[in-house]
Protein backbone atom coordinates (compact mmCIF):
# COMPACT_ATOMS: atom_id res chain seq x y z
CA MET A 1 39.06 60.34 -7.23
CA SER A 2 40.77 58.86 -10.28
CA VAL A 3 39.25 55.79 -11.94
CA GLY A 4 40.88 53.20 -14.16
CA VAL A 5 39.13 50.60 -16.31
CA LEU A 6 40.87 47.38 -17.31
CA CYS A 7 39.17 45.74 -20.31
CA ILE A 8 40.05 42.13 -21.04
CA HIS A 9 39.22 40.56 -24.40
CA GLY A 10 38.15 37.00 -25.16
CA PHE A 11 39.80 33.74 -26.17
CA SER A 12 41.60 34.00 -29.52
CA GLY A 13 40.43 37.62 -29.82
CA GLY A 14 41.91 41.02 -29.08
CA PRO A 15 41.02 44.48 -27.76
CA TYR A 16 38.92 45.07 -30.91
CA GLU A 17 36.22 42.84 -29.33
CA VAL A 18 35.46 45.49 -26.70
CA GLU A 19 36.43 48.52 -28.79
CA PRO A 20 32.91 49.97 -29.28
CA PHE A 21 32.42 49.94 -25.50
CA THR A 22 35.84 51.37 -24.66
CA THR A 23 35.25 54.12 -27.24
CA TYR A 24 31.94 54.91 -25.52
CA LEU A 25 33.65 55.06 -22.11
CA ARG A 26 36.36 57.35 -23.42
CA THR A 27 33.73 59.66 -24.92
CA HIS A 28 31.68 59.89 -21.73
CA THR A 29 34.32 59.83 -18.97
CA ASN A 30 37.83 61.02 -18.18
CA TRP A 31 38.77 57.57 -16.85
CA LEU A 32 42.05 55.87 -17.71
CA ILE A 33 41.19 52.87 -19.88
CA GLU A 34 43.64 50.06 -20.55
CA GLU A 35 43.12 47.22 -23.02
CA PRO A 36 45.99 44.73 -22.79
CA THR A 37 46.48 42.04 -25.44
CA LEU A 38 46.92 38.60 -23.89
CA SER A 39 49.94 36.51 -24.95
CA GLY A 40 49.52 34.97 -28.40
CA HIS A 41 46.34 36.95 -29.04
CA GLY A 42 45.54 40.07 -31.08
CA ASP A 43 45.30 40.71 -34.79
CA GLU A 44 48.06 38.20 -35.56
CA LEU A 45 47.33 35.06 -33.57
CA GLN A 46 50.42 33.15 -32.41
CA MET A 47 48.83 31.11 -29.65
CA ARG A 48 50.96 27.96 -29.68
CA GLY A 49 52.97 27.53 -26.50
CA PHE A 50 50.96 29.94 -24.37
CA THR A 51 48.89 28.65 -21.46
CA ALA A 52 46.15 29.82 -19.13
CA LYS A 53 48.87 30.80 -16.66
CA HIS A 54 50.37 33.20 -19.21
CA TRP A 55 46.97 34.85 -19.80
CA LEU A 56 46.27 35.22 -16.09
CA MET A 57 49.73 36.71 -15.51
CA ASP A 58 49.23 39.16 -18.40
CA ALA A 59 45.99 40.32 -16.75
CA GLU A 60 47.58 40.55 -13.30
CA LEU A 61 50.50 42.63 -14.57
CA ALA A 62 48.12 44.96 -16.43
CA PHE A 63 45.96 45.30 -13.32
CA ARG A 64 48.92 46.09 -11.05
CA ALA A 65 50.26 48.67 -13.50
CA LEU A 66 46.87 50.39 -13.75
CA ALA A 67 46.27 50.26 -9.96
CA LYS A 68 49.48 52.27 -9.44
CA LYS A 69 48.09 55.12 -11.57
CA VAL A 70 44.53 55.43 -10.19
CA ASP A 71 42.55 55.28 -6.94
CA GLU A 72 39.88 52.79 -8.08
CA VAL A 73 39.99 50.02 -10.68
CA ILE A 74 36.97 48.66 -12.56
CA VAL A 75 37.43 45.44 -14.54
CA VAL A 76 35.47 44.67 -17.71
CA GLY A 77 35.77 41.20 -19.21
CA PHE A 78 34.42 39.86 -22.50
CA SER A 79 33.89 36.09 -22.97
CA MET A 80 37.03 34.39 -21.54
CA GLY A 81 38.03 37.86 -20.36
CA GLY A 82 35.00 37.76 -18.08
CA ILE A 83 36.42 34.68 -16.35
CA ILE A 84 39.80 36.38 -16.02
CA ALA A 85 38.00 39.42 -14.57
CA LEU A 86 36.49 37.18 -11.87
CA TYR A 87 39.95 35.77 -11.15
CA LEU A 88 41.28 39.32 -10.63
CA ALA A 89 38.31 40.20 -8.39
CA LYS A 90 39.17 37.24 -6.17
CA ARG A 91 42.82 38.27 -5.82
CA TYR A 92 42.85 42.08 -5.96
CA LYS A 93 40.92 45.12 -4.84
CA VAL A 94 38.51 45.58 -7.75
CA LYS A 95 35.81 48.26 -7.32
CA LYS A 96 33.25 46.91 -9.78
CA LEU A 97 32.94 44.18 -12.40
CA VAL A 98 31.32 44.15 -15.83
CA LEU A 99 30.95 40.72 -17.45
CA LEU A 100 30.10 40.67 -21.17
CA SER A 101 29.12 37.31 -22.72
CA ALA A 102 31.18 35.72 -19.94
CA ALA A 103 32.27 32.20 -20.85
CA ALA A 104 31.43 30.52 -17.55
CA LYS A 105 30.59 27.35 -19.46
CA TYR A 106 32.63 26.30 -22.46
CA VAL A 107 30.58 25.07 -25.40
CA SER A 108 31.32 22.97 -28.45
CA PRO A 109 33.23 24.21 -31.50
CA LYS A 110 30.16 23.19 -33.54
CA GLN A 111 28.29 26.14 -32.04
CA LEU A 112 31.24 28.38 -32.85
CA VAL A 113 30.85 27.38 -36.52
CA GLU A 114 27.10 28.13 -36.45
CA ASP A 115 27.76 31.55 -34.94
CA PHE A 116 30.42 32.16 -37.57
CA LYS A 117 27.95 31.38 -40.38
CA MET A 118 25.43 33.80 -38.88
CA LEU A 119 28.10 36.47 -38.64
CA ALA A 120 29.12 35.83 -42.26
CA THR A 121 25.54 36.39 -43.44
CA GLU A 122 25.29 39.58 -41.41
CA ALA A 123 28.62 40.81 -42.74
CA TYR A 124 27.34 40.31 -46.25
CA HIS A 125 24.05 42.13 -45.69
CA ARG A 126 25.04 44.76 -43.17
CA ASN A 127 27.72 47.23 -42.17
CA LEU A 128 31.49 47.48 -42.37
CA SER A 129 32.13 46.95 -38.66
CA ASN A 130 30.57 43.49 -38.93
CA ASN A 131 32.59 42.78 -42.07
CA GLU A 132 35.75 43.64 -40.17
CA LEU A 133 34.68 41.40 -37.30
CA PHE A 134 33.89 38.61 -39.75
CA LEU A 135 37.36 38.76 -41.29
CA ARG A 136 39.00 38.55 -37.88
CA TYR A 137 36.72 35.69 -36.91
CA GLN A 138 37.56 33.82 -40.11
CA HIS A 139 41.25 34.17 -39.30
CA LYS A 140 40.72 32.33 -35.99
CA PHE A 141 39.69 29.05 -37.58
CA ASN A 142 43.14 28.48 -39.04
CA ASN A 143 45.16 29.84 -36.14
CA VAL A 144 43.81 28.38 -32.89
CA PRO A 145 45.63 25.19 -31.85
CA LEU A 146 43.68 22.52 -29.96
CA SER A 147 46.16 22.89 -27.08
CA SER A 148 45.03 26.53 -26.65
CA THR A 149 41.37 25.50 -26.51
CA ILE A 150 42.26 22.98 -23.78
CA GLU A 151 44.02 25.77 -21.84
CA PHE A 152 40.86 27.90 -22.14
CA MET A 153 38.78 25.05 -20.71
CA LYS A 154 41.29 24.63 -17.86
CA LEU A 155 41.00 28.32 -17.03
CA VAL A 156 37.19 28.16 -16.88
CA ARG A 157 37.34 25.15 -14.51
CA MET A 158 40.00 26.75 -12.35
CA VAL A 159 38.07 29.97 -11.73
CA GLU A 160 34.62 28.44 -11.16
CA PRO A 161 35.19 27.76 -7.41
CA TYR A 162 35.89 31.51 -6.96
CA TYR A 163 32.36 32.62 -7.88
CA LYS A 164 31.00 32.19 -4.36
CA ASP A 165 33.77 34.47 -3.02
CA ILE A 166 32.99 37.42 -5.32
CA LYS A 167 31.09 40.04 -3.32
CA ILE A 168 31.71 43.28 -5.21
CA PRO A 169 29.06 44.99 -7.41
CA VAL A 170 28.73 43.31 -10.79
CA TYR A 171 26.83 43.98 -14.03
CA ILE A 172 26.31 41.03 -16.39
CA VAL A 173 25.37 41.56 -20.04
CA GLN A 174 24.34 38.56 -22.15
CA GLY A 175 22.85 38.14 -25.62
CA LYS A 176 19.96 35.71 -25.97
CA LEU A 177 21.15 34.75 -29.47
CA ASP A 178 24.73 34.01 -28.38
CA GLY A 179 25.84 30.92 -30.30
CA ILE A 180 29.01 30.41 -28.28
CA VAL A 181 28.01 31.00 -24.67
CA PRO A 182 24.42 29.79 -24.08
CA TYR A 183 22.47 32.66 -22.58
CA HIS A 184 21.40 30.66 -19.51
CA THR A 185 25.09 30.69 -18.51
CA ALA A 186 24.59 34.31 -17.43
CA GLN A 187 21.80 33.29 -15.07
CA PHE A 188 24.08 30.59 -13.62
CA LEU A 189 26.78 33.23 -13.02
CA TYR A 190 24.29 35.65 -11.51
CA ASP A 191 23.05 32.98 -9.10
CA GLU A 192 26.54 31.81 -8.12
CA LEU A 193 28.14 35.20 -7.44
CA ALA A 194 27.86 36.29 -3.80
CA SER A 195 27.53 40.01 -4.63
CA ASN A 196 24.64 41.86 -2.98
CA GLU A 197 24.62 44.41 -5.80
CA LYS A 198 24.31 42.54 -9.08
CA THR A 199 22.40 43.16 -12.30
CA LEU A 200 21.68 40.80 -15.19
CA TYR A 201 20.83 42.41 -18.54
CA PHE A 202 19.61 40.21 -21.40
CA SER A 203 19.81 41.55 -24.93
CA ASP A 204 17.01 39.94 -26.97
CA LYS A 205 18.91 40.29 -30.25
CA GLY A 206 22.41 40.06 -28.79
CA LYS A 207 24.90 37.54 -30.15
CA HIS A 208 28.31 36.66 -28.73
CA HIS A 209 30.11 39.81 -29.89
CA ILE A 210 27.77 41.85 -27.75
CA CYS A 211 29.68 45.14 -28.16
CA TYR A 212 28.83 45.10 -31.89
CA ASP A 213 25.11 44.45 -31.58
CA GLU A 214 22.27 46.72 -32.66
CA ASP A 215 21.09 47.48 -29.13
CA CYS A 216 24.54 47.98 -27.61
CA SER A 217 24.04 51.74 -27.12
CA GLU A 218 21.20 50.90 -24.75
CA TRP A 219 23.23 48.69 -22.43
CA PHE A 220 26.33 50.90 -22.79
CA PHE A 221 24.25 53.60 -21.09
CA TYR A 222 23.03 51.27 -18.33
CA VAL A 223 26.50 49.94 -17.61
CA LEU A 224 27.99 53.42 -17.47
CA SER A 225 25.27 54.49 -15.01
CA PHE A 226 26.16 51.46 -12.87
CA LEU A 227 29.86 52.30 -13.02
CA LYS A 228 29.35 56.00 -12.27
CA SER A 229 27.53 55.20 -9.04
CA LEU A 230 30.91 54.80 -7.37
């Protein structure tokens, strides 16, 4: 049976946000992995004029294209991508869901700035991958219009009523040091989802960009085990 994985990045981000995880999946499986870039997103942000509807349609088109090539589709969503993943699970035949730092509650830009400062310090003291992430993060501050943030908030509100209809297996990963999505948001999601098979993994040292954290290899393994039990 052929398996496809659709990985959806976060608000004002790009596929690089989930790249360490998709690299891990490619190394350990023969699954077909797709990482679409939502309209206006990616390395060069051009978000003005794009709405939540555009982002949802991008995800739907990517899902339909992947579903034509494989027997089963798994959806992985990071941050806002986690909310889009839930939207897809409501509308399409998704086998399993993985929600990474899922932005079920939108928080203030002030927390975004705090997280950014923390990331800047880490980039200075630590490795190149964090430096690269820091530079991309820095780029966001000058290139995200307020109208786009409002669209993000609309999307979160629109999908929330769907939670109680989601019944497929789901694995939620959340960092306790996430400065953008408060970690108790993951517990809220876990409680709201109607799935019988659901797992909530808290990373004690995890921040928002959970795929880049020190302990990511640990949860990569757990998530893959969950996904392989098809």
